Amino acid sequence: MAITGIYAVVAFSVSQRTQEIAIRMALGAQRAGIAKLVLLSGVRLTLLGCGLGVLGSVAVSRLVSSFLFGVSATDPLIYLLCVLIMMIMALLASTLPAARASSADPIDALRSS
């Protein structure tokens, strides 16, 4: 669900920033730079969510520890793997909006506004 949410937010952000992206491209921004801009926005969003999620899970670790067997509620390896998996999945979820943004025609985008 989190990956679907990240995709939706990044895709909505790209659709809202179509004019800005078109102006950047008209002024000479490369398609790779536009894609990088969109991917970085998805990564920032994911880092914020992961940070809040880790803080929240550490805060409730005492309540959850009675349900866990064979692993500590504050195992750093588990936290690291979860954050790493979320970052990879967020990059994958952001690639389609990034590809759409970088392939947009600046003239059509500016005319439609």
N, C-alpha and C. Protein backbone atom coordinates (compact mmCIF):
# COMPACT_ATOMS: atom_id res chain seq x y z
N MET A 1 0.82 -1.18 0.00
CA MET A 1 0.00 0.00 0.00
C MET A 1 0.87 1.25 0.00
N ALA A 2 1.97 1.19 0.71
CA ALA A 2 2.84 2.36 0.77
C ALA A 2 3.43 2.68 -0.60
N ILE A 3 3.79 1.66 -1.35
CA ILE A 3 4.37 1.88 -2.68
C ILE A 3 3.32 2.47 -3.61
N THR A 4 2.08 2.00 -3.52
CA THR A 4 1.01 2.56 -4.33
C THR A 4 0.79 4.02 -3.97
N GLY A 5 0.86 4.33 -2.70
CA GLY A 5 0.73 5.72 -2.26
C GLY A 5 1.85 6.60 -2.76
N ILE A 6 3.07 6.07 -2.74
CA ILE A 6 4.21 6.85 -3.24
C ILE A 6 4.05 7.09 -4.74
N TYR A 7 3.65 6.06 -5.47
CA TYR A 7 3.42 6.22 -6.90
C TYR A 7 2.36 7.30 -7.15
N ALA A 8 1.26 7.23 -6.41
CA ALA A 8 0.17 8.18 -6.62
C ALA A 8 0.60 9.61 -6.31
N VAL A 9 1.32 9.80 -5.24
CA VAL A 9 1.76 11.14 -4.87
C VAL A 9 2.76 11.69 -5.88
N VAL A 10 3.70 10.87 -6.32
CA VAL A 10 4.70 11.33 -7.29
C VAL A 10 4.03 11.61 -8.63
N ALA A 11 3.12 10.75 -9.06
CA ALA A 11 2.41 10.97 -10.33
C ALA A 11 1.55 12.22 -10.27
N PHE A 12 0.89 12.45 -9.15
CA PHE A 12 0.09 13.66 -8.99
C PHE A 12 0.98 14.89 -8.99
N SER A 13 2.12 14.80 -8.32
CA SER A 13 3.06 15.92 -8.29
C SER A 13 3.56 16.25 -9.68
N VAL A 14 3.85 15.23 -10.48
CA VAL A 14 4.30 15.46 -11.85
C VAL A 14 3.20 16.11 -12.67
N SER A 15 1.97 15.66 -12.50
CA SER A 15 0.88 16.25 -13.27
C SER A 15 0.63 17.70 -12.86
N GLN A 16 0.84 18.02 -11.60
CA GLN A 16 0.68 19.40 -11.15
C GLN A 16 1.83 20.31 -11.59
N ARG A 17 3.00 19.72 -11.80
CA ARG A 17 4.19 20.49 -12.16
C ARG A 17 4.51 20.42 -13.65
N THR A 18 3.52 20.10 -14.47
CA THR A 18 3.75 19.95 -15.90
C THR A 18 4.30 21.23 -16.52
N GLN A 19 3.74 22.37 -16.16
CA GLN A 19 4.21 23.65 -16.71
C GLN A 19 5.64 23.93 -16.28
N GLU A 20 5.94 23.69 -15.01
CA GLU A 20 7.30 23.91 -14.52
C GLU A 20 8.30 23.03 -15.26
N ILE A 21 7.94 21.78 -15.44
CA ILE A 21 8.83 20.85 -16.14
C ILE A 21 9.01 21.28 -17.59
N ALA A 22 7.91 21.74 -18.21
CA ALA A 22 7.99 22.20 -19.60
C ALA A 22 8.89 23.43 -19.71
N ILE A 23 8.79 24.33 -18.77
CA ILE A 23 9.65 25.52 -18.80
C ILE A 23 11.11 25.12 -18.59
N ARG A 24 11.35 24.22 -17.69
CA ARG A 24 12.73 23.74 -17.48
C ARG A 24 13.30 23.13 -18.76
N MET A 25 12.47 22.32 -19.43
CA MET A 25 12.93 21.69 -20.66
C MET A 25 13.12 22.72 -21.77
N ALA A 26 12.25 23.72 -21.84
CA ALA A 26 12.38 24.76 -22.85
C ALA A 26 13.63 25.60 -22.62
N LEU A 27 14.03 25.73 -21.38
CA LEU A 27 15.24 26.49 -21.06
C LEU A 27 16.51 25.66 -21.17
N GLY A 28 16.38 24.38 -21.51
CA GLY A 28 17.56 23.58 -21.78
C GLY A 28 17.84 22.45 -20.82
N ALA A 29 16.91 22.16 -19.93
CA ALA A 29 17.13 21.03 -19.02
C ALA A 29 17.11 19.73 -19.80
N GLN A 30 18.01 18.84 -19.47
CA GLN A 30 18.09 17.55 -20.13
C GLN A 30 17.01 16.62 -19.58
N ARG A 31 16.63 15.65 -20.39
CA ARG A 31 15.62 14.69 -19.96
C ARG A 31 16.09 13.89 -18.74
N ALA A 32 17.37 13.58 -18.69
CA ALA A 32 17.91 12.85 -17.53
C ALA A 32 17.81 13.70 -16.26
N GLY A 33 18.00 14.99 -16.40
CA GLY A 33 17.87 15.88 -15.24
C GLY A 33 16.45 15.96 -14.73
N ILE A 34 15.50 15.96 -15.64
CA ILE A 34 14.08 15.98 -15.24
C ILE A 34 13.72 14.67 -14.54
N ALA A 35 14.17 13.56 -15.11
CA ALA A 35 13.90 12.26 -14.48
C ALA A 35 14.54 12.19 -13.09
N LYS A 36 15.75 12.71 -12.97
CA LYS A 36 16.42 12.72 -11.67
C LYS A 36 15.66 13.57 -10.66
N LEU A 37 15.12 14.70 -11.11
CA LEU A 37 14.33 15.57 -10.24
C LEU A 37 13.12 14.84 -9.69
N VAL A 38 12.43 14.11 -10.54
CA VAL A 38 11.23 13.38 -10.11
C VAL A 38 11.62 12.21 -9.20
N LEU A 39 12.67 11.49 -9.55
CA LEU A 39 13.11 10.37 -8.71
C LEU A 39 13.54 10.85 -7.34
N LEU A 40 14.24 11.98 -7.28
CA LEU A 40 14.67 12.50 -5.98
C LEU A 40 13.50 12.94 -5.12
N SER A 41 12.44 13.43 -5.75
CA SER A 41 11.26 13.80 -4.95
C SER A 41 10.62 12.55 -4.34
N GLY A 42 10.62 11.45 -5.09
CA GLY A 42 10.10 10.19 -4.54
C GLY A 42 10.98 9.65 -3.42
N VAL A 43 12.30 9.80 -3.58
CA VAL A 43 13.23 9.33 -2.55
C VAL A 43 13.08 10.17 -1.28
N ARG A 44 12.94 11.48 -1.43
CA ARG A 44 12.75 12.33 -0.25
C ARG A 44 11.48 11.95 0.50
N LEU A 45 10.43 11.72 -0.24
CA LEU A 45 9.16 11.32 0.36
C LEU A 45 9.32 10.00 1.12
N THR A 46 10.04 9.08 0.52
CA THR A 46 10.25 7.77 1.15
C THR A 46 11.14 7.88 2.39
N LEU A 47 12.17 8.69 2.31
CA LEU A 47 13.03 8.88 3.48
C LEU A 47 12.26 9.48 4.65
N LEU A 48 11.41 10.44 4.35
CA LEU A 48 10.59 11.03 5.41
C LEU A 48 9.67 9.98 6.03
N GLY A 49 9.02 9.20 5.19
CA GLY A 49 8.12 8.15 5.69
C GLY A 49 8.86 7.07 6.46
N CYS A 50 10.03 6.67 5.96
CA CYS A 50 10.81 5.64 6.67
C CYS A 50 11.31 6.17 8.01
N GLY A 51 11.73 7.41 8.03
CA GLY A 51 12.19 8.00 9.29
C GLY A 51 11.09 8.04 10.33
N LEU A 52 9.91 8.49 9.91
CA LEU A 52 8.78 8.52 10.85
C LEU A 52 8.35 7.11 11.24
N GLY A 53 8.41 6.19 10.30
CA GLY A 53 8.04 4.80 10.60
C GLY A 53 8.99 4.14 11.59
N VAL A 54 10.29 4.39 11.42
CA VAL A 54 11.28 3.82 12.35
C VAL A 54 11.09 4.43 13.74
N LEU A 55 10.89 5.74 13.80
CA LEU A 55 10.66 6.37 15.11
C LEU A 55 9.40 5.82 15.77
N GLY A 56 8.35 5.65 14.99
CA GLY A 56 7.11 5.11 15.55
C GLY A 56 7.26 3.66 16.00
N SER A 57 7.99 2.87 15.22
CA SER A 57 8.15 1.47 15.60
C SER A 57 9.05 1.30 16.82
N VAL A 58 10.04 2.17 16.95
CA VAL A 58 10.88 2.11 18.16
C VAL A 58 10.05 2.54 19.37
N ALA A 59 9.15 3.49 19.16
CA ALA A 59 8.31 3.96 20.27
C ALA A 59 7.37 2.89 20.77
N VAL A 60 6.86 2.04 19.90
CA VAL A 60 5.92 1.00 20.32
C VAL A 60 6.57 -0.37 20.41
N SER A 61 7.88 -0.43 20.43
CA SER A 61 8.58 -1.72 20.43
C SER A 61 8.29 -2.55 21.68
N ARG A 62 8.05 -1.93 22.80
CA ARG A 62 7.73 -2.69 24.01
C ARG A 62 6.40 -3.42 23.88
N LEU A 63 5.44 -2.77 23.25
CA LEU A 63 4.13 -3.41 23.07
C LEU A 63 4.22 -4.58 22.11
N VAL A 64 5.04 -4.46 21.08
CA VAL A 64 5.14 -5.47 20.04
C VAL A 64 6.06 -6.62 20.44
N SER A 65 6.98 -6.38 21.36
CA SER A 65 7.99 -7.38 21.70
C SER A 65 7.39 -8.69 22.21
N SER A 66 6.22 -8.65 22.81
CA SER A 66 5.61 -9.90 23.30
C SER A 66 5.08 -10.77 22.16
N PHE A 67 4.89 -10.20 20.98
CA PHE A 67 4.41 -10.96 19.83
C PHE A 67 5.52 -11.53 18.97
N LEU A 68 6.75 -11.12 19.21
CA LEU A 68 7.87 -11.53 18.37
C LEU A 68 8.62 -12.68 19.01
N PHE A 69 9.00 -13.65 18.19
CA PHE A 69 9.77 -14.80 18.67
C PHE A 69 11.00 -14.96 17.80
N GLY A 70 12.15 -15.01 18.40
CA GLY A 70 13.39 -15.23 17.67
C GLY A 70 14.04 -13.97 17.14
N VAL A 71 13.43 -12.82 17.34
CA VAL A 71 14.01 -11.56 16.89
C VAL A 71 13.65 -10.46 17.89
N SER A 72 14.56 -9.56 18.06
CA SER A 72 14.33 -8.45 18.98
C SER A 72 13.42 -7.41 18.33
N ALA A 73 12.68 -6.69 19.12
CA ALA A 73 11.80 -5.66 18.59
C ALA A 73 12.58 -4.45 18.09
N THR A 74 13.83 -4.34 18.49
CA THR A 74 14.66 -3.22 18.05
C THR A 74 15.90 -3.73 17.31
N ASP A 75 15.74 -4.78 16.52
CA ASP A 75 16.85 -5.34 15.76
C ASP A 75 17.24 -4.38 14.64
N PRO A 76 18.46 -3.83 14.67
CA PRO A 76 18.86 -2.84 13.66
C PRO A 76 18.92 -3.42 12.25
N LEU A 77 19.26 -4.69 12.12
CA LEU A 77 19.32 -5.30 10.79
C LEU A 77 17.94 -5.32 10.13
N ILE A 78 16.92 -5.63 10.89
CA ILE A 78 15.56 -5.66 10.36
C ILE A 78 15.14 -4.26 9.92
N TYR A 79 15.43 -3.27 10.76
CA TYR A 79 15.10 -1.89 10.39
C TYR A 79 15.83 -1.48 9.12
N LEU A 80 17.10 -1.80 9.02
CA LEU A 80 17.90 -1.44 7.85
C LEU A 80 17.37 -2.12 6.59
N LEU A 81 17.04 -3.40 6.69
CA LEU A 81 16.51 -4.12 5.53
C LEU A 81 15.16 -3.56 5.10
N CYS A 82 14.32 -3.23 6.05
CA CYS A 82 13.00 -2.66 5.71
C CYS A 82 13.15 -1.32 5.00
N VAL A 83 14.03 -0.47 5.51
CA VAL A 83 14.26 0.83 4.87
C VAL A 83 14.85 0.64 3.48
N LEU A 84 15.79 -0.28 3.34
CA LEU A 84 16.42 -0.53 2.06
C LEU A 84 15.40 -1.06 1.04
N ILE A 85 14.56 -1.98 1.44
CA ILE A 85 13.53 -2.51 0.55
C ILE A 85 12.55 -1.41 0.15
N MET A 86 12.16 -0.58 1.10
CA MET A 86 11.25 0.52 0.79
C MET A 86 11.88 1.51 -0.18
N MET A 87 13.17 1.78 -0.03
CA MET A 87 13.84 2.71 -0.94
C MET A 87 13.88 2.14 -2.36
N ILE A 88 14.19 0.86 -2.48
CA ILE A 88 14.23 0.23 -3.80
C ILE A 88 12.85 0.24 -4.44
N MET A 89 11.85 -0.11 -3.67
CA MET A 89 10.49 -0.14 -4.21
C MET A 89 10.00 1.26 -4.56
N ALA A 90 10.38 2.26 -3.77
CA ALA A 90 9.99 3.64 -4.08
C ALA A 90 10.65 4.13 -5.36
N LEU A 91 11.90 3.74 -5.57
CA LEU A 91 12.56 4.09 -6.83
C LEU A 91 11.84 3.45 -8.01
N LEU A 92 11.45 2.20 -7.85
CA LEU A 92 10.70 1.53 -8.91
C LEU A 92 9.34 2.19 -9.14
N ALA A 93 8.68 2.60 -8.07
CA ALA A 93 7.38 3.25 -8.20
C ALA A 93 7.49 4.63 -8.81
N SER A 94 8.64 5.28 -8.67
CA SER A 94 8.83 6.63 -9.20
C SER A 94 9.33 6.64 -10.64
N THR A 95 9.72 5.49 -11.16
CA THR A 95 10.28 5.48 -12.51
C THR A 95 9.24 5.79 -13.58
N LEU A 96 8.02 5.30 -13.45
CA LEU A 96 7.01 5.58 -14.46
C LEU A 96 6.66 7.08 -14.50
N PRO A 97 6.38 7.74 -13.37
CA PRO A 97 6.16 9.18 -13.45
C PRO A 97 7.39 9.95 -13.95
N ALA A 98 8.58 9.47 -13.60
CA ALA A 98 9.79 10.14 -14.08
C ALA A 98 9.93 10.00 -15.59
N ALA A 99 9.61 8.82 -16.11
CA ALA A 99 9.67 8.62 -17.56
C ALA A 99 8.63 9.47 -18.28
N ARG A 100 7.45 9.58 -17.70
CA ARG A 100 6.42 10.42 -18.31
C ARG A 100 6.83 11.88 -18.29
N ALA A 101 7.41 12.33 -17.19
CA ALA A 101 7.82 13.73 -17.09
C ALA A 101 8.95 14.05 -18.06
N SER A 102 9.89 13.14 -18.20
CA SER A 102 11.04 13.42 -19.06
C SER A 102 10.71 13.28 -20.54
N SER A 103 9.62 12.59 -20.86
CA SER A 103 9.26 12.44 -22.27
C SER A 103 8.21 13.45 -22.72
N ALA A 104 7.81 14.35 -21.83
CA ALA A 104 6.80 15.34 -22.19
C ALA A 104 7.36 16.34 -23.19
N ASP A 105 6.50 16.76 -24.10
CA ASP A 105 6.88 17.77 -25.08
C ASP A 105 6.61 19.14 -24.47
N PRO A 106 7.64 19.99 -24.33
CA PRO A 106 7.45 21.28 -23.67
C PRO A 106 6.45 22.20 -24.39
N ILE A 107 6.41 22.13 -25.70
CA ILE A 107 5.50 23.01 -26.44
C ILE A 107 4.05 22.63 -26.18
N ASP A 108 3.76 21.33 -26.22
CA ASP A 108 2.39 20.89 -25.94
C ASP A 108 1.98 21.19 -24.51
N ALA A 109 2.92 21.03 -23.57
CA ALA A 109 2.60 21.27 -22.17
C ALA A 109 2.32 22.75 -21.92
N LEU A 110 3.07 23.62 -22.59
CA LEU A 110 2.85 25.05 -22.39
C LEU A 110 1.61 25.53 -23.11
N ARG A 111 1.25 24.92 -24.23
CA ARG A 111 0.04 25.30 -24.95
C ARG A 111 -1.22 24.91 -24.21
N SER A 112 -1.18 23.78 -23.52
CA SER A 112 -2.38 23.27 -22.86
C SER A 112 -2.74 24.06 -21.61
N SER A 113 -1.87 24.93 -21.15
CA SER A 113 -2.19 25.68 -19.93
C SER A 113 -3.03 26.89 -20.17
